[in-house]
N, C-alpha and C. Protein backbone atom coordinates (compact mmCIF):
# COMPACT_ATOMS: atom_id res chain seq x y z
N MET A 1 -34.24 4.44 -3.54
CA MET A 1 -33.66 3.16 -3.22
C MET A 1 -34.77 2.41 -2.56
N SER A 2 -34.95 1.26 -3.07
CA SER A 2 -35.99 0.31 -2.45
C SER A 2 -35.40 -0.56 -1.38
N ALA A 3 -36.27 -1.11 -0.78
CA ALA A 3 -35.81 -1.94 0.57
C ALA A 3 -34.99 -3.05 0.02
N THR A 4 -35.11 -3.66 -1.00
CA THR A 4 -34.23 -4.69 -1.55
C THR A 4 -32.82 -4.03 -2.09
N ASP A 5 -32.69 -2.80 -2.45
CA ASP A 5 -31.55 -2.21 -2.94
C ASP A 5 -30.82 -1.82 -1.50
N ASN A 6 -31.47 -1.79 -0.40
CA ASN A 6 -30.84 -1.50 0.88
C ASN A 6 -29.98 -2.57 1.47
N THR A 7 -30.31 -3.78 1.06
CA THR A 7 -29.72 -5.00 1.79
C THR A 7 -28.30 -5.02 1.87
N ASN A 8 -27.58 -4.51 0.80
CA ASN A 8 -26.10 -4.55 0.87
C ASN A 8 -25.50 -3.03 1.26
N ALA A 9 -26.49 -2.21 1.49
CA ALA A 9 -26.03 -0.76 1.89
C ALA A 9 -25.35 -0.81 3.22
N LYS A 10 -24.30 0.06 3.30
CA LYS A 10 -23.52 0.18 4.50
C LYS A 10 -23.16 1.63 4.48
N SER A 11 -22.86 2.21 5.72
CA SER A 11 -22.25 3.73 5.68
C SER A 11 -20.84 3.81 5.42
N TYR A 12 -20.73 5.02 4.86
CA TYR A 12 -19.43 5.31 4.32
C TYR A 12 -19.15 6.91 4.67
N VAL A 13 -17.98 7.25 4.81
CA VAL A 13 -17.50 8.60 4.98
C VAL A 13 -17.07 9.01 3.74
N LEU A 14 -17.46 10.11 3.10
CA LEU A 14 -16.99 10.58 1.78
C LEU A 14 -15.96 11.75 2.23
N VAL A 15 -14.86 11.58 1.66
CA VAL A 15 -13.70 12.51 1.85
C VAL A 15 -13.27 13.18 0.67
N GLN A 16 -12.66 14.29 0.72
CA GLN A 16 -12.08 14.93 -0.44
C GLN A 16 -10.43 15.00 -0.22
N ILE A 17 -9.81 14.41 -1.21
CA ILE A 17 -8.43 14.15 -1.29
C ILE A 17 -7.95 14.63 -2.56
N GLY A 18 -7.31 15.74 -2.37
CA GLY A 18 -6.85 16.53 -3.82
C GLY A 18 -8.16 17.01 -4.43
N ASP A 19 -8.19 16.62 -5.75
CA ASP A 19 -9.42 17.21 -6.42
C ASP A 19 -10.39 16.14 -6.58
N ARG A 20 -10.33 14.89 -5.83
CA ARG A 20 -11.12 13.79 -5.95
C ARG A 20 -11.85 13.40 -4.63
N ARG A 21 -13.06 12.99 -4.75
CA ARG A 21 -13.79 12.36 -3.70
C ARG A 21 -13.68 10.77 -3.55
N PHE A 22 -13.43 10.39 -2.34
CA PHE A 22 -13.36 8.91 -2.12
C PHE A 22 -14.24 8.61 -0.93
N ALA A 23 -14.50 7.27 -0.69
CA ALA A 23 -15.16 6.80 0.41
C ALA A 23 -14.44 5.88 1.20
N MET A 24 -14.75 5.93 2.54
CA MET A 24 -14.15 5.03 3.45
C MET A 24 -15.17 4.39 4.41
N PRO A 25 -15.16 3.16 4.62
CA PRO A 25 -16.32 2.45 5.45
C PRO A 25 -16.12 3.29 6.88
N ALA A 26 -17.37 3.55 7.23
CA ALA A 26 -17.67 4.32 8.41
C ALA A 26 -17.17 3.55 9.66
N ALA A 27 -17.34 2.19 9.57
CA ALA A 27 -16.97 1.34 10.55
C ALA A 27 -15.52 1.44 10.93
N THR A 28 -14.65 1.85 10.01
CA THR A 28 -13.24 1.79 10.26
C THR A 28 -12.67 3.36 10.77
N VAL A 29 -13.77 4.20 10.50
CA VAL A 29 -13.22 5.62 10.92
C VAL A 29 -13.52 5.87 12.41
N SER A 30 -12.60 6.36 13.17
CA SER A 30 -12.84 6.64 14.47
C SER A 30 -13.09 8.28 14.80
N GLU A 31 -12.50 8.98 13.96
CA GLU A 31 -12.83 10.38 14.16
C GLU A 31 -12.22 11.31 12.94
N LEU A 32 -12.73 12.53 12.93
CA LEU A 32 -12.17 13.36 12.05
C LEU A 32 -11.57 14.52 12.89
N ALA A 33 -10.21 14.66 12.84
CA ALA A 33 -9.42 15.47 13.69
C ALA A 33 -9.13 16.87 13.01
N PRO A 34 -9.30 17.93 13.87
CA PRO A 34 -8.77 19.15 13.31
C PRO A 34 -7.27 19.14 12.95
N PRO A 35 -6.85 20.14 12.01
CA PRO A 35 -5.44 20.10 11.82
C PRO A 35 -4.61 20.53 12.90
N VAL A 36 -3.92 19.50 13.45
CA VAL A 36 -3.05 19.73 14.64
C VAL A 36 -1.61 19.72 14.22
N ARG A 37 -0.57 19.97 15.09
CA ARG A 37 0.71 19.88 14.71
C ARG A 37 1.13 18.56 14.17
N LEU A 38 1.80 18.49 13.08
CA LEU A 38 2.41 17.31 12.34
C LEU A 38 3.84 17.41 12.90
N HIS A 39 4.05 16.20 13.54
CA HIS A 39 5.47 15.97 13.93
C HIS A 39 6.39 15.27 12.77
N HIS A 40 7.49 15.78 12.34
CA HIS A 40 8.15 15.15 11.49
C HIS A 40 9.49 14.58 12.06
N PHE A 41 9.94 13.47 11.60
CA PHE A 41 11.10 12.72 12.17
C PHE A 41 11.79 11.93 11.00
N PRO A 42 13.03 11.75 11.06
CA PRO A 42 13.75 10.96 10.10
C PRO A 42 13.04 9.58 10.09
N GLN A 43 12.59 9.04 8.82
CA GLN A 43 12.21 7.63 8.76
C GLN A 43 12.29 7.27 7.28
N ARG A 44 12.08 6.06 6.99
CA ARG A 44 12.46 5.45 5.63
C ARG A 44 11.14 5.33 4.77
N SER A 45 10.08 5.62 5.32
CA SER A 45 8.77 5.35 4.58
C SER A 45 8.32 6.68 3.84
N PRO A 46 8.28 6.63 2.36
CA PRO A 46 7.85 7.88 1.75
C PRO A 46 6.33 8.12 1.96
N LEU A 47 5.63 7.08 2.34
CA LEU A 47 4.15 7.53 2.40
C LEU A 47 3.88 8.14 3.90
N VAL A 48 4.69 7.95 4.68
CA VAL A 48 4.40 8.64 6.09
C VAL A 48 5.02 10.02 6.34
N SER A 49 4.06 11.12 6.36
CA SER A 49 4.59 12.43 6.20
C SER A 49 5.01 12.93 7.69
N GLY A 50 4.52 12.10 8.70
CA GLY A 50 4.83 12.50 10.03
C GLY A 50 3.76 11.75 10.87
N VAL A 51 3.72 12.29 12.11
CA VAL A 51 2.85 11.75 13.20
C VAL A 51 2.06 13.03 13.89
N ILE A 52 0.84 12.57 14.35
CA ILE A 52 0.12 13.59 15.11
C ILE A 52 -0.22 12.88 16.35
N VAL A 53 -0.47 13.35 17.44
CA VAL A 53 -0.80 12.83 18.72
C VAL A 53 -2.20 13.11 18.93
N ARG A 54 -3.13 11.91 19.08
CA ARG A 54 -4.42 12.03 19.12
C ARG A 54 -4.92 11.16 20.36
N ARG A 55 -5.58 11.75 21.43
CA ARG A 55 -5.99 11.00 22.59
C ARG A 55 -4.86 10.19 23.33
N GLY A 56 -3.69 10.81 23.41
CA GLY A 56 -2.64 10.17 24.06
C GLY A 56 -1.91 9.14 23.10
N ARG A 57 -2.21 8.98 21.88
CA ARG A 57 -1.55 8.11 21.06
C ARG A 57 -0.94 8.70 20.02
N ILE A 58 0.32 8.14 19.52
CA ILE A 58 0.89 8.60 18.30
C ILE A 58 0.25 8.06 17.15
N VAL A 59 -0.12 8.83 16.26
CA VAL A 59 -0.77 8.17 14.89
C VAL A 59 -0.12 8.58 13.73
N PRO A 60 0.43 7.66 12.89
CA PRO A 60 1.14 8.02 11.78
C PRO A 60 0.05 8.54 10.75
N VAL A 61 0.61 9.60 9.99
CA VAL A 61 -0.08 10.31 8.92
C VAL A 61 0.41 9.82 7.50
N TYR A 62 -0.44 9.34 6.82
CA TYR A 62 -0.13 8.70 5.43
C TYR A 62 -0.59 9.66 4.36
N ASP A 63 0.47 10.24 3.64
CA ASP A 63 0.16 11.16 2.58
C ASP A 63 -0.22 10.39 1.29
N VAL A 64 -1.59 10.04 1.13
CA VAL A 64 -2.04 9.27 0.11
C VAL A 64 -2.52 10.04 -1.13
N CYS A 65 -2.43 11.34 -1.18
CA CYS A 65 -2.88 12.18 -2.30
C CYS A 65 -1.97 11.81 -3.54
N ARG A 66 -0.68 11.79 -3.44
CA ARG A 66 0.00 11.40 -4.48
C ARG A 66 -0.24 10.16 -5.26
N ILE A 67 -0.57 9.13 -4.38
CA ILE A 67 -0.94 7.74 -5.00
C ILE A 67 -2.23 7.84 -5.75
N LEU A 68 -3.26 8.64 -4.89
CA LEU A 68 -4.62 8.67 -5.47
C LEU A 68 -4.86 9.46 -6.62
N THR A 69 -4.13 10.69 -6.62
CA THR A 69 -4.44 11.77 -7.52
C THR A 69 -3.27 11.94 -8.43
N GLY A 70 -2.07 11.50 -8.11
CA GLY A 70 -0.90 11.87 -8.76
C GLY A 70 -0.47 13.16 -8.72
N LYS A 71 -0.83 13.87 -7.59
CA LYS A 71 -0.38 15.39 -7.29
C LYS A 71 -0.07 15.38 -5.84
N LYS A 72 0.77 16.27 -5.54
CA LYS A 72 1.35 16.49 -4.16
C LYS A 72 0.04 16.97 -3.26
N SER A 73 0.04 16.78 -2.17
CA SER A 73 -1.11 17.02 -1.22
C SER A 73 -1.05 18.42 -0.96
N PRO A 74 -2.19 19.02 -1.19
CA PRO A 74 -2.45 20.53 -0.90
C PRO A 74 -2.59 20.58 0.58
N ALA A 75 -2.57 21.99 0.94
CA ALA A 75 -2.83 22.14 2.41
C ALA A 75 -4.30 21.54 2.83
N HIS A 76 -4.18 20.93 3.96
CA HIS A 76 -5.41 20.03 4.18
C HIS A 76 -6.12 20.77 5.49
N ARG A 77 -7.36 20.31 5.56
CA ARG A 77 -8.29 20.95 6.52
C ARG A 77 -8.59 20.13 7.82
N PHE A 78 -8.43 18.65 7.56
CA PHE A 78 -8.63 17.57 8.68
C PHE A 78 -7.76 16.60 8.53
N TYR A 79 -7.71 15.73 9.53
CA TYR A 79 -7.03 14.32 9.62
C TYR A 79 -8.22 13.47 9.80
N LEU A 80 -8.47 12.46 8.83
CA LEU A 80 -9.59 11.53 8.95
C LEU A 80 -8.58 10.22 9.75
N VAL A 81 -8.99 9.85 10.99
CA VAL A 81 -8.34 8.75 11.61
C VAL A 81 -9.18 7.61 11.62
N ALA A 82 -8.53 6.57 11.03
CA ALA A 82 -9.20 5.17 10.77
C ALA A 82 -8.44 4.18 11.30
N ALA A 83 -9.03 2.92 11.61
CA ALA A 83 -8.35 1.75 11.94
C ALA A 83 -7.47 1.04 11.00
N ARG A 84 -6.32 0.60 11.16
CA ARG A 84 -5.43 -0.25 10.38
C ARG A 84 -5.33 -1.54 11.12
N ASP A 85 -5.67 -2.61 10.50
CA ASP A 85 -5.67 -3.92 11.15
C ASP A 85 -4.27 -4.65 10.72
N PHE A 86 -3.62 -5.25 11.89
CA PHE A 86 -2.31 -6.02 11.80
C PHE A 86 -2.61 -7.26 12.36
N GLY A 87 -3.19 -8.16 11.69
CA GLY A 87 -3.59 -9.47 12.20
C GLY A 87 -4.84 -9.31 13.19
N SER A 88 -4.42 -9.80 14.45
CA SER A 88 -5.47 -9.61 15.46
C SER A 88 -5.37 -8.15 16.17
N ALA A 89 -4.36 -7.32 15.88
CA ALA A 89 -4.39 -5.98 16.56
C ALA A 89 -4.71 -4.95 15.54
N SER A 90 -5.11 -3.93 16.19
CA SER A 90 -5.71 -2.80 15.24
C SER A 90 -5.30 -1.45 15.83
N GLU A 91 -4.55 -0.63 15.00
CA GLU A 91 -3.87 0.64 15.32
C GLU A 91 -4.54 1.88 14.37
N PRO A 92 -4.52 2.93 15.01
CA PRO A 92 -5.04 4.01 14.16
C PRO A 92 -3.88 4.60 13.14
N GLY A 93 -4.45 4.97 12.13
CA GLY A 93 -3.49 5.69 11.03
C GLY A 93 -4.44 6.96 10.58
N ALA A 94 -3.79 7.92 10.04
CA ALA A 94 -4.57 9.01 9.74
C ALA A 94 -4.29 9.41 8.32
N ILE A 95 -5.10 9.99 7.56
CA ILE A 95 -4.93 10.48 6.21
C ILE A 95 -5.42 12.10 6.15
N PRO A 96 -4.67 12.92 5.67
CA PRO A 96 -5.16 14.29 5.46
C PRO A 96 -6.21 14.35 4.36
N VAL A 97 -7.30 15.14 4.70
CA VAL A 97 -8.32 15.30 3.76
C VAL A 97 -8.44 16.80 3.66
N ASP A 98 -8.91 17.16 2.34
CA ASP A 98 -8.93 18.69 1.85
C ASP A 98 -10.13 19.47 2.10
N GLY A 99 -11.18 18.56 2.24
CA GLY A 99 -12.57 19.39 2.10
C GLY A 99 -13.52 18.93 3.07
N GLU A 100 -14.70 19.18 2.96
CA GLU A 100 -15.87 18.67 3.87
C GLU A 100 -15.97 17.19 3.86
N CYS A 101 -16.40 16.59 4.76
CA CYS A 101 -16.74 15.09 4.80
C CYS A 101 -18.18 15.02 4.95
N GLU A 102 -18.60 13.79 4.53
CA GLU A 102 -20.13 13.59 4.55
C GLU A 102 -20.38 12.22 4.90
N LEU A 103 -21.33 11.85 5.65
CA LEU A 103 -21.72 10.36 5.91
C LEU A 103 -22.84 10.08 5.10
N VAL A 104 -22.87 8.84 4.37
CA VAL A 104 -23.82 8.50 3.39
C VAL A 104 -23.94 6.80 3.61
N THR A 105 -25.18 6.46 3.20
CA THR A 105 -25.50 5.02 3.24
C THR A 105 -25.79 4.74 1.77
N ALA A 106 -25.12 3.81 1.29
CA ALA A 106 -25.33 3.34 -0.14
C ALA A 106 -24.94 1.84 -0.31
N PRO A 107 -25.47 1.22 -1.22
CA PRO A 107 -24.90 -0.15 -1.65
C PRO A 107 -23.59 0.04 -2.40
N THR A 108 -22.66 -0.82 -2.07
CA THR A 108 -21.54 -1.15 -2.74
C THR A 108 -21.60 -1.87 -3.92
N GLU A 109 -20.88 -1.36 -5.10
CA GLU A 109 -20.75 -2.18 -6.27
C GLU A 109 -19.45 -2.69 -6.37
N ASN A 110 -19.04 -3.80 -6.93
CA ASN A 110 -17.86 -4.43 -7.12
C ASN A 110 -16.91 -3.39 -7.94
N PRO A 111 -15.71 -3.33 -7.63
CA PRO A 111 -14.74 -2.41 -8.32
C PRO A 111 -14.44 -2.95 -9.76
N ASP A 112 -14.20 -2.08 -10.55
CA ASP A 112 -13.68 -2.46 -11.87
C ASP A 112 -12.45 -3.39 -11.71
N PRO A 113 -12.52 -4.39 -12.59
CA PRO A 113 -11.40 -5.34 -12.49
C PRO A 113 -9.96 -4.79 -12.66
N THR A 114 -9.91 -3.79 -13.32
CA THR A 114 -8.60 -3.10 -13.48
C THR A 114 -8.15 -2.11 -12.53
N SER A 115 -9.07 -1.98 -11.41
CA SER A 115 -8.76 -1.02 -10.35
C SER A 115 -7.73 -1.57 -9.59
N PRO A 116 -6.97 -0.74 -8.89
CA PRO A 116 -6.01 -1.01 -7.93
C PRO A 116 -6.59 -1.86 -6.63
N LYS A 117 -5.86 -2.70 -6.22
CA LYS A 117 -6.23 -3.66 -5.06
C LYS A 117 -6.85 -2.81 -3.73
N TYR A 118 -6.30 -1.55 -3.77
CA TYR A 118 -6.88 -0.90 -2.63
C TYR A 118 -8.10 -0.13 -2.74
N ILE A 119 -8.71 -0.27 -4.02
CA ILE A 119 -10.17 -0.06 -4.19
C ILE A 119 -10.99 -1.13 -4.04
N SER A 120 -11.85 -1.16 -2.80
CA SER A 120 -12.69 -2.21 -2.58
C SER A 120 -13.92 -2.42 -3.17
N GLY A 121 -14.38 -1.13 -3.87
CA GLY A 121 -15.74 -1.12 -4.39
C GLY A 121 -16.01 0.26 -4.93
N THR A 122 -17.25 0.42 -5.35
CA THR A 122 -17.61 1.91 -5.62
C THR A 122 -19.12 2.07 -5.13
N LEU A 123 -19.28 3.38 -4.88
CA LEU A 123 -20.62 3.79 -4.70
C LEU A 123 -21.15 4.72 -5.76
N THR A 124 -22.39 4.75 -6.09
CA THR A 124 -23.05 5.68 -7.00
C THR A 124 -23.79 6.74 -6.08
N ILE A 125 -23.46 8.03 -6.00
CA ILE A 125 -24.21 8.94 -5.24
C ILE A 125 -24.61 9.99 -6.44
N GLY A 126 -25.93 9.93 -6.67
CA GLY A 126 -26.42 10.90 -7.69
C GLY A 126 -25.62 10.35 -8.98
N GLU A 127 -25.04 11.22 -9.67
CA GLU A 127 -24.40 10.97 -11.10
C GLU A 127 -22.86 10.62 -10.81
N GLU A 128 -22.36 10.84 -9.50
CA GLU A 128 -21.09 10.44 -9.29
C GLU A 128 -20.72 9.08 -8.80
N SER A 129 -19.72 8.53 -9.39
CA SER A 129 -19.06 7.28 -8.94
C SER A 129 -18.00 7.50 -8.08
N ILE A 130 -18.11 6.81 -6.87
CA ILE A 130 -16.96 7.25 -5.95
C ILE A 130 -16.19 5.90 -5.50
N GLU A 131 -15.07 5.92 -5.59
CA GLU A 131 -14.30 4.64 -5.26
C GLU A 131 -14.12 4.67 -3.66
N VAL A 132 -14.32 3.30 -3.14
CA VAL A 132 -14.06 2.95 -1.70
C VAL A 132 -12.89 2.54 -1.38
N LEU A 133 -12.03 3.15 -0.63
CA LEU A 133 -10.69 2.95 -0.22
C LEU A 133 -10.50 1.83 0.82
N ASP A 134 -9.72 1.02 0.74
CA ASP A 134 -9.27 0.06 1.82
C ASP A 134 -7.86 0.65 2.33
N LEU A 135 -7.90 1.12 3.52
CA LEU A 135 -6.55 1.95 3.92
C LEU A 135 -5.55 0.95 4.03
N ASN A 136 -5.81 -0.18 4.63
CA ASN A 136 -4.74 -1.21 4.79
C ASN A 136 -4.13 -1.64 3.41
N ALA A 137 -4.73 -1.87 2.49
CA ALA A 137 -4.34 -2.38 1.18
C ALA A 137 -3.55 -1.15 0.44
N LEU A 138 -4.12 0.04 0.71
CA LEU A 138 -3.54 1.36 0.16
C LEU A 138 -2.04 1.45 0.75
N VAL A 139 -2.07 1.48 1.99
CA VAL A 139 -0.61 1.64 2.64
C VAL A 139 0.30 0.47 2.35
N ASN A 140 -0.29 -0.68 2.49
CA ASN A 140 0.60 -1.87 2.17
C ASN A 140 1.18 -1.85 0.63
N SER A 141 0.34 -1.46 -0.09
CA SER A 141 0.80 -1.60 -1.55
C SER A 141 1.66 -0.35 -1.88
N ALA A 142 1.47 0.68 -1.33
CA ALA A 142 2.40 1.97 -1.48
C ALA A 142 3.76 1.62 -0.68
N ASN A 143 3.76 0.83 0.41
CA ASN A 143 4.95 0.54 0.96
C ASN A 143 5.87 -0.28 0.13
N ALA A 144 5.09 -1.37 -0.44
CA ALA A 144 5.69 -2.56 -1.13
C ALA A 144 6.21 -1.84 -2.34
N GLU A 145 5.41 -0.82 -3.00
CA GLU A 145 5.95 -0.18 -4.22
C GLU A 145 7.22 0.60 -3.95
N ALA A 146 7.16 1.30 -2.89
CA ALA A 146 8.46 2.05 -2.43
C ALA A 146 9.56 1.27 -2.28
N ASN A 147 9.42 0.19 -1.89
CA ASN A 147 10.54 -0.83 -1.50
C ASN A 147 10.78 -1.80 -2.73
N GLY A 148 10.08 -1.63 -3.71
CA GLY A 148 10.44 -2.47 -4.76
C GLY A 148 9.83 -4.02 -4.73
N ILE A 149 8.92 -4.22 -3.75
CA ILE A 149 8.60 -5.56 -3.29
C ILE A 149 7.12 -5.60 -3.71
N GLU A 150 6.77 -6.80 -4.22
CA GLU A 150 5.38 -7.06 -4.60
C GLU A 150 4.76 -7.71 -3.40
N SER A 151 3.78 -7.14 -2.85
CA SER A 151 3.28 -7.56 -1.59
C SER A 151 2.12 -8.68 -2.02
N ALA A 152 1.63 -9.49 -0.94
CA ALA A 152 0.37 -10.16 -1.22
C ALA A 152 -0.65 -9.55 -1.66
N GLU A 153 -0.99 -8.25 -1.15
CA GLU A 153 -2.09 -7.49 -1.45
C GLU A 153 -2.00 -6.98 -3.05
N THR A 154 -0.78 -6.71 -3.54
CA THR A 154 -0.68 -6.22 -4.98
C THR A 154 -0.63 -7.38 -5.68
N ARG A 155 -0.43 -8.61 -5.38
CA ARG A 155 -0.56 -9.81 -6.14
C ARG A 155 -1.83 -10.33 -6.34
N ALA A 156 -2.80 -9.99 -5.13
CA ALA A 156 -4.03 -10.74 -5.24
C ALA A 156 -5.04 -10.08 -6.24
């Protein structure tokens, strides 16, 4: 990578979800937490599999494997805790990850125009093309789909 290639390079956390790898902007990731007790409770969101308690806060866990891979989430090894933005406020949300995580710096390419709105770009690492996830858009589009509502993110 040359110095000019590095101008739009940012840091990303590569995560294994199901049988695929995805990237999340490192700036949004607060921690990679060990598998702690997942608390289940009656709720109406099919995407929320429960909550974990991290650093004295209740953090919703979003089971995104079904959306991203079409398969049920296998047993996971960690929770990736990342910020979700709600206007001017930010709250943590967690997704289960299945394998090792890796920190990389790479330039982002625009996503394929046919990609879902929660894919904000792609990274090329060696021969592999890795999609960059936008957690806010992913959760919003999944909730809108579950409720049969077209959200602003899915229309955009």
